[in-house]
Protein backbone atom coordinates (compact mmCIF):
# COMPACT_ATOMS: atom_id res chain seq x y z
CA UNK A 1 104.78 126.81 190.65
CA UNK A 2 105.86 123.77 192.68
CA UNK A 3 106.96 126.03 195.53
CA UNK A 4 103.58 127.82 195.55
CA UNK A 5 101.76 124.48 195.62
CA UNK A 6 103.88 123.27 198.55
CA UNK A 7 103.10 126.48 200.43
CA UNK A 8 99.40 126.15 199.50
CA UNK A 9 99.44 129.52 197.71
CA UNK A 10 96.79 128.74 195.11
CA UNK A 11 93.84 131.02 194.46
CA UNK A 12 90.68 130.93 192.34
CA UNK A 13 88.58 133.99 191.58
CA UNK A 14 85.10 133.98 190.08
CA UNK A 15 84.69 137.09 187.97
CA UNK A 16 86.92 139.74 186.46
CA UNK A 17 89.29 141.19 189.01
CA UNK A 18 92.54 141.92 187.12
CA UNK A 19 94.05 144.05 189.88
CA UNK A 20 93.56 141.38 192.53
CA UNK A 21 94.94 138.69 190.21
CA UNK A 22 98.01 140.78 189.41
CA UNK A 23 98.72 141.56 193.06
CA UNK A 24 98.42 137.93 194.13
CA UNK A 25 100.74 136.77 191.34
CA UNK A 26 103.31 139.38 192.40
CA UNK A 27 103.22 137.88 195.89
CA UNK A 28 103.97 134.38 194.60
CA UNK A 29 100.44 132.99 194.34
CA UNK A 30 99.34 130.75 191.46
CA UNK A 31 95.86 130.92 189.95
CA UNK A 32 93.82 127.77 189.42
CA UNK A 33 91.70 128.52 186.37
CA UNK A 34 87.98 127.77 186.52
CA UNK A 35 86.84 125.15 184.04
CA UNK A 36 83.62 125.91 182.17
CA UNK A 37 81.92 122.78 180.81
CA UNK A 38 81.14 122.95 177.09
CA UNK A 39 77.69 124.27 176.27
CA UNK A 40 77.42 126.59 179.28
CA UNK A 41 76.91 130.25 178.57
CA UNK A 42 79.17 132.79 180.21
CA UNK A 43 77.53 135.88 181.77
CA UNK A 44 77.30 138.99 179.61
CA UNK A 45 80.16 141.48 179.97
CA UNK A 46 79.52 144.22 182.54
CA UNK A 47 79.75 146.96 179.87
CA UNK A 48 76.68 145.61 178.07
CA UNK A 49 74.66 145.52 181.27
CA UNK A 50 75.58 149.10 182.16
CA UNK A 51 74.65 150.47 178.74
CA UNK A 52 71.27 148.74 178.77
CA UNK A 53 70.55 150.06 182.25
CA UNK A 54 71.45 153.60 181.17
CA UNK A 55 69.04 153.37 178.25
CA UNK A 56 66.22 152.36 180.60
CA UNK A 57 66.91 155.22 183.01
CA UNK A 58 66.71 157.78 180.18
CA UNK A 59 63.17 156.67 179.37
CA UNK A 60 62.00 157.20 182.95
CA UNK A 61 63.53 160.68 183.18
CA UNK A 62 61.40 161.96 180.27
CA UNK A 63 58.26 161.65 182.40
CA UNK A 64 57.74 164.82 184.50
CA UNK A 65 57.52 164.23 188.23
CA UNK A 66 54.37 165.24 190.05
CA UNK A 67 52.07 165.44 187.02
CA UNK A 68 48.89 163.35 186.96
């Protein structure tokens, strides 16, 4: 860790990017974790957003196109 700090090999990523994190660590980089102040809400997981969007798109497909 001290060597990485001396070489200025510190990274911080906002979001979920496990592949990028893993690759940087393999190359000797050290991650500086983001600090979330208490009482702040974290964004909803991406899976929940995708499932809600899929439900909305199903409702629009039931309407036939071109009918008035």
